[in-house]
C-alpha atoms as a PDB file:
ATOM      1  CA  MET A   1       0.000   0.000   0.000  1.00  0.00           C
ATOM      2  CA  ARG A   2       2.817   2.365   0.916  1.00  0.00           C
ATOM      3  CA  LEU A   3       4.509   1.776  -2.453  1.00  0.00           C
ATOM      4  CA  ARG A   4       1.249   2.549  -4.279  1.00  0.00           C
ATOM      5  CA  VAL A   5       0.913   5.897  -2.498  1.00  0.00           C
ATOM      6  CA  ILE A   6       4.545   6.767  -3.227  1.00  0.00           C
ATOM      7  CA  GLY A   7       4.082   5.693  -6.853  1.00  0.00           C
ATOM      8  CA  LEU A   8       0.930   7.791  -7.179  1.00  0.00           C
ATOM      9  CA  LEU A   9       2.651  10.845  -5.702  1.00  0.00           C
ATOM     10  CA  ALA A  10       5.598  10.355  -8.045  1.00  0.00           C
ATOM     11  CA  LEU A  11       3.208  10.146 -11.006  1.00  0.00           C
ATOM     12  CA  VAL A  12       1.422  13.346  -9.958  1.00  0.00           C
ATOM     13  CA  LEU A  13       4.723  15.171  -9.505  1.00  0.00           C
ATOM     14  CA  PHE A  14       5.988  13.908 -12.843  1.00  0.00           C
ATOM     15  CA  ALA A  15       2.789  15.051 -14.586  1.00  0.00           C
ATOM     16  CA  ALA A  16       2.991  18.493 -12.953  1.00  0.00           C
ATOM     17  CA  CYS A  17       6.641  18.894 -13.950  1.00  0.00           C
ATOM     18  CA  GLY A  18       5.847  17.880 -17.509  1.00  0.00           C
ATOM     19  CA  LYS A  19       3.697  20.933 -18.164  1.00  0.00           C
ATOM     20  CA  THR A  20       5.218  23.577 -20.370  1.00  0.00           C
ATOM     21  CA  ASP A  21       5.283  27.248 -19.433  1.00  0.00           C
ATOM     22  CA  ALA A  22       2.577  27.853 -22.030  1.00  0.00           C
ATOM     23  CA  GLN A  23       0.330  25.223 -20.422  1.00  0.00           C
ATOM     24  CA  ARG A  24       0.876  26.684 -16.948  1.00  0.00           C
ATOM     25  CA  GLN A  25       0.152  30.193 -18.231  1.00  0.00           C
ATOM     26  CA  LYS A  26      -3.033  29.012 -19.981  1.00  0.00           C
ATOM     27  CA  ASN A  27      -4.137  27.243 -16.805  1.00  0.00           C
ATOM     28  CA  GLU A  28      -3.523  30.437 -14.819  1.00  0.00           C
ATOM     29  CA  VAL A  29      -5.697  32.452 -17.209  1.00  0.00           C
ATOM     30  CA  ASP A  30      -8.416  29.776 -17.267  1.00  0.00           C
ATOM     31  CA  THR A  31      -8.469  29.561 -13.461  1.00  0.00           C
ATOM     32  CA  TYR A  32      -8.751  33.337 -13.152  1.00  0.00           C
ATOM     33  CA  MET A  33     -11.536  33.551 -15.731  1.00  0.00           C
ATOM     34  CA  GLU A  34     -13.473  30.783 -13.953  1.00  0.00           C
ATOM     35  CA  GLY A  35     -13.055  32.767 -10.735  1.00  0.00           C
ATOM     36  CA  LEU A  36     -14.486  35.850 -12.433  1.00  0.00           C
ATOM     37  CA  LEU A  37     -17.523  33.844 -13.493  1.00  0.00           C
ATOM     38  CA  ASP A  38     -17.902  32.591  -9.917  1.00  0.00           C
ATOM     39  CA  GLY A  39     -17.675  36.154  -8.524  1.00  0.00           C
ATOM     40  CA  LYS A  40     -14.451  35.523  -6.586  1.00  0.00           C
ATOM     41  CA  TYR A  41     -12.683  38.762  -7.504  1.00  0.00           C
ATOM     42  CA  GLN A  42     -15.401  41.434  -7.233  1.00  0.00           C
ATOM     43  CA  ASP A  43     -13.807  43.015  -4.177  1.00  0.00           C
ATOM     44  CA  GLN A  44     -10.226  42.592  -5.334  1.00  0.00           C
ATOM     45  CA  PHE A  45      -8.269  45.804  -4.892  1.00  0.00           C
ATOM     46  CA  GLU A  46      -5.737  45.396  -7.697  1.00  0.00           C
ATOM     47  CA  MET A  47      -6.333  44.251 -11.238  1.00  0.00           C
ATOM     48  CA  LYS A  48      -4.687  40.937 -12.089  1.00  0.00           C
ATOM     49  CA  LEU A  49      -1.899  41.653 -14.538  1.00  0.00           C
ATOM     50  CA  PHE A  50      -0.869  38.735 -16.656  1.00  0.00           C
ATOM     51  CA  ASP A  51       2.298  38.417 -18.686  1.00  0.00           C
ATOM     52  CA  PRO A  52       2.270  39.609 -22.337  1.00  0.00           C
ATOM     53  CA  ALA A  53       2.793  35.972 -23.349  1.00  0.00           C
ATOM     54  CA  GLN A  54      -0.692  35.284 -21.954  1.00  0.00           C
ATOM     55  CA  ILE A  55      -2.431  37.726 -24.304  1.00  0.00           C
ATOM     56  CA  PRO A  56      -3.388  34.920 -26.749  1.00  0.00           C
ATOM     57  CA  ASP A  57      -4.999  33.047 -23.848  1.00  0.00           C
ATOM     58  CA  LEU A  58      -6.968  36.158 -22.891  1.00  0.00           C
ATOM     59  CA  LEU A  59      -7.907  36.726 -26.540  1.00  0.00           C
ATOM     60  CA  SER A  60      -9.450  33.246 -26.578  1.00  0.00           C
ATOM     61  CA  TYR A  61     -12.113  34.688 -24.246  1.00  0.00           C
ATOM     62  CA  ALA A  62     -12.724  37.856 -26.309  1.00  0.00           C
ATOM     63  CA  ASP A  63     -16.035  36.639 -27.748  1.00  0.00           C
ATOM     64  CA  ASP A  64     -17.395  35.250 -24.457  1.00  0.00           C
ATOM     65  CA  LYS A  65     -20.677  36.998 -23.672  1.00  0.00           C
ATOM     66  CA  ARG A  66     -21.258  35.562 -20.189  1.00  0.00           C
ATOM     67  CA  GLU A  67     -21.905  38.213 -17.554  1.00  0.00           C
ATOM     68  CA  VAL A  68     -19.356  38.954 -14.853  1.00  0.00           C
ATOM     69  CA  HIS A  69     -19.112  41.512 -12.073  1.00  0.00           C
ATOM     70  CA  PRO A  70     -15.381  42.133 -12.264  1.00  0.00           C
ATOM     71  CA  PRO A  71     -13.131  44.122  -9.975  1.00  0.00           C
ATOM     72  CA  ILE A  72     -13.006  47.747 -11.002  1.00  0.00           C
ATOM     73  CA  ASN A  73     -10.632  50.585 -10.307  1.00  0.00           C
ATOM     74  CA  PRO A  74     -11.175  51.634  -6.672  1.00  0.00           C
ATOM     75  CA  LEU A  75     -11.227  55.255  -7.831  1.00  0.00           C
ATOM     76  CA  SER A  76     -14.454  54.538  -9.731  1.00  0.00           C
ATOM     77  CA  SER A  77     -17.838  55.136  -8.154  1.00  0.00           C
ATOM     78  CA  LEU A  78     -19.508  52.707 -10.585  1.00  0.00           C
ATOM     79  CA  ARG A  79     -20.047  48.983 -10.148  1.00  0.00           C
ATOM     80  CA  ALA A  80     -19.583  47.452 -13.532  1.00  0.00           C
ATOM     81  CA  GLU A  81     -21.301  44.573 -15.209  1.00  0.00           C
ATOM     82  CA  SER A  82     -19.367  43.287 -18.151  1.00  0.00           C
ATOM     83  CA  SER A  83     -19.098  40.295 -20.367  1.00  0.00           C
ATOM     84  CA  LEU A  84     -16.194  37.986 -19.691  1.00  0.00           C
ATOM     85  CA  GLY A  85     -14.884  38.781 -23.176  1.00  0.00           C
ATOM     86  CA  MET A  86     -14.939  42.541 -22.673  1.00  0.00           C
ATOM     87  CA  TYR A  87     -13.161  42.136 -19.363  1.00  0.00           C
ATOM     88  CA  ALA A  88     -10.507  39.978 -21.050  1.00  0.00           C
ATOM     89  CA  LEU A  89      -9.932  42.775 -23.570  1.00  0.00           C
ATOM     90  CA  TRP A  90      -9.680  45.307 -20.736  1.00  0.00           C
ATOM     91  CA  MET A  91      -7.097  43.082 -19.065  1.00  0.00           C
ATOM     92  CA  ILE A  92      -5.091  43.000 -22.299  1.00  0.00           C
ATOM     93  CA  GLU A  93      -5.199  46.797 -22.326  1.00  0.00           C
ATOM     94  CA  GLY A  94      -3.870  46.768 -18.754  1.00  0.00           C
ATOM     95  CA  ILE A  95      -0.956  44.542 -19.814  1.00  0.00           C
ATOM     96  CA  ARG A  96      -0.216  46.803 -22.788  1.00  0.00           C
ATOM     97  CA  LEU A  97      -0.230  49.993 -20.727  1.00  0.00           C
ATOM     98  CA  ALA A  98       1.778  48.473 -17.876  1.00  0.00           C
ATOM     99  CA  GLU A  99       4.500  47.389 -20.307  1.00  0.00           C
ATOM    100  CA  ASN A 100       4.590  50.858 -21.874  1.00  0.00           C
ATOM    101  CA  ASN A 101       4.713  52.489 -18.437  1.00  0.00           C
ATOM    102  CA  ARG A 102       7.684  50.385 -17.360  1.00  0.00           C
ATOM    103  CA  GLU A 103       9.700  51.750 -20.249  1.00  0.00           C
ATOM    104  CA  ARG A 104       8.580  55.349 -19.881  1.00  0.00           C
ATOM    105  CA  SER A 105       8.564  55.415 -16.051  1.00  0.00           C
ATOM    106  CA  LYS A 106       5.236  57.252 -16.116  1.00  0.00           C
ATOM    107  CA  ALA A 107       2.265  56.035 -14.122  1.00  0.00           C
ATOM    108  CA  LYS A 108      -0.667  55.931 -16.530  1.00  0.00           C
ATOM    109  CA  THR A 109      -2.357  53.067 -14.739  1.00  0.00           C
ATOM    110  CA  PHE A 110      -3.574  52.875 -11.155  1.00  0.00           C
ATOM    111  CA  LEU A 111      -3.102  49.454  -9.526  1.00  0.00           C
ATOM    112  CA  GLY A 112      -2.922  47.910 -12.999  1.00  0.00           C
ATOM    113  CA  TYR A 113      -6.272  49.257 -14.203  1.00  0.00           C
ATOM    114  CA  PRO A 114      -6.164  50.780 -17.698  1.00  0.00           C
ATOM    115  CA  SER A 115      -9.219  52.975 -16.946  1.00  0.00           C
ATOM    116  CA  LEU A 116     -11.869  53.303 -14.276  1.00  0.00           C
ATOM    117  CA  VAL A 117     -14.219  50.614 -15.587  1.00  0.00           C
ATOM    118  CA  PRO A 118     -14.303  48.096 -18.460  1.00  0.00           C
ATOM    119  CA  PHE A 119     -16.619  50.237 -20.565  1.00  0.00           C
ATOM    120  CA  LEU A 120     -16.006  51.072 -24.169  1.00  0.00           C
ATOM    121  CA  PHE A 121     -17.096  54.428 -25.506  1.00  0.00           C
ATOM    122  CA  ASP A 122     -18.509  54.951 -28.956  1.00  0.00           C
ATOM    123  CA  GLU A 123     -16.530  57.954 -30.174  1.00  0.00           C
ATOM    124  CA  GLN A 124     -19.239  58.883 -32.672  1.00  0.00           C
ATOM    125  CA  THR A 125     -21.996  59.243 -30.067  1.00  0.00           C
ATOM    126  CA  ASN A 126     -19.589  59.974 -27.192  1.00  0.00           C
ATOM    127  CA  ARG A 127     -21.526  57.501 -25.038  1.00  0.00           C
ATOM    128  CA  ARG A 128     -20.418  54.418 -23.200  1.00  0.00           C
ATOM    129  CA  VAL A 129     -21.745  51.089 -24.365  1.00  0.00           C
ATOM    130  CA  ASP A 130     -23.049  49.392 -21.218  1.00  0.00           C
ATOM    131  CA  TYR A 131     -23.506  45.671 -20.764  1.00  0.00           C
ATOM    132  CA  GLY A 132     -27.052  44.717 -21.683  1.00  0.00           C
ATOM    133  CA  LEU A 133     -27.521  47.378 -24.337  1.00  0.00           C
ATOM    134  CA  GLU A 134     -28.482  46.234 -27.821  1.00  0.00           C
ATOM    135  CA  ALA A 135     -25.206  47.627 -29.197  1.00  0.00           C
ATOM    136  CA  TYR A 136     -23.023  45.744 -26.687  1.00  0.00           C
ATOM    137  CA  PRO A 137     -22.509  42.467 -28.617  1.00  0.00           C
ATOM    138  CA  ALA A 138     -21.531  44.288 -31.820  1.00  0.00           C
ATOM    139  CA  THR A 139     -19.235  46.607 -29.867  1.00  0.00           C
ATOM    140  CA  GLN A 140     -17.574  43.655 -28.149  1.00  0.00           C
ATOM    141  CA  ARG A 141     -17.097  41.901 -31.499  1.00  0.00           C
ATOM    142  CA  LYS A 142     -15.600  45.057 -33.037  1.00  0.00           C
ATOM    143  CA  ALA A 143     -13.205  45.496 -30.113  1.00  0.00           C
ATOM    144  CA  ALA A 144     -12.249  41.802 -30.160  1.00  0.00           C
ATOM    145  CA  ASP A 145     -11.495  42.019 -33.885  1.00  0.00           C
ATOM    146  CA  ALA A 146      -9.380  45.150 -33.305  1.00  0.00           C
ATOM    147  CA  TYR A 147      -7.359  43.477 -30.548  1.00  0.00           C
ATOM    148  CA  ARG A 148      -6.851  40.317 -32.604  1.00  0.00           C
ATOM    149  CA  ALA A 149      -5.666  42.353 -35.600  1.00  0.00           C
ATOM    150  CA  TRP A 150      -3.348  44.324 -33.316  1.00  0.00           C
ATOM    151  CA  TRP A 151      -1.924  41.159 -31.741  1.00  0.00           C
ATOM    152  CA  ASN A 152      -1.412  39.452 -35.097  1.00  0.00           C
ATOM    153  CA  SER A 153       0.305  42.507 -36.608  1.00  0.00           C
ATOM    154  CA  GLY A 154       3.709  41.890 -35.050  1.00  0.00           C
ATOM    155  CA  GLU A 155       5.820  41.090 -32.024  1.00  0.00           C
ATOM    156  CA  PHE A 156       4.550  42.535 -28.739  1.00  0.00           C
ATOM    157  CA  ALA A 157       7.719  44.595 -28.271  1.00  0.00           C
ATOM    158  CA  ASP A 158       6.980  46.314 -31.584  1.00  0.00           C
ATOM    159  CA  ILE A 159       3.206  46.788 -31.201  1.00  0.00           C
ATOM    160  CA  LYS A 160       2.696  47.526 -27.491  1.00  0.00           C
ATOM    161  CA  ALA A 161       2.818  51.303 -27.992  1.00  0.00           C
ATOM    162  CA  LYS A 162       0.108  51.141 -30.666  1.00  0.00           C
ATOM    163  CA  ASN A 163      -3.466  51.533 -29.402  1.00  0.00           C
ATOM    164  CA  PRO A 164      -5.415  48.503 -30.699  1.00  0.00           C
ATOM    165  CA  LEU A 165      -8.613  50.581 -30.876  1.00  0.00           C
ATOM    166  CA  ASP A 166      -7.138  53.342 -33.081  1.00  0.00           C
ATOM    167  CA  GLY A 167      -9.413  53.794 -36.071  1.00  0.00           C
ATOM    168  CA  SER A 168     -12.184  51.599 -34.639  1.00  0.00           C
ATOM    169  CA  GLY A 169     -14.328  54.450 -33.326  1.00  0.00           C
ATOM    170  CA  LEU A 170     -14.030  52.974 -29.825  1.00  0.00           C
ATOM    171  CA  SER A 171     -12.045  53.923 -26.762  1.00  0.00           C
ATOM    172  CA  TRP A 172     -11.807  52.799 -23.150  1.00  0.00           C
END
């Protein structure tokens, strides 16, 4: 019996060690996103900042329309409802800005948040597109497409200073 337990532990350790960095990073993103859906992070003070290498994992959630009540910038007086996909895009924006800020030594983010809340604004109407509005799914799709095009346009080091929403008519 003792040998079976030791063998099982060795197998578990071997399996855990066999994961690549990419698999561990994907699991970290998946675990966090599941926590968002379960409401675990609503009262979190700081925004979770992932590594730029995890942007593709976050982009895999960009079209997810399930409702979440994510953590928001503590300077905001609004409680935000968002789709999981929109929040993933907002997290990508936080990664992008944090990387730019490190190089420029200027604080443009507060506790990792790229803006007060994960709302996109329609620059044509100058109004925010709230979760639940008829325009929200199309706005999310447009933003997701813009972020995918941005990500696929080059290496992160070369594209991080470029705003993915430039020319889309949307802004955070």
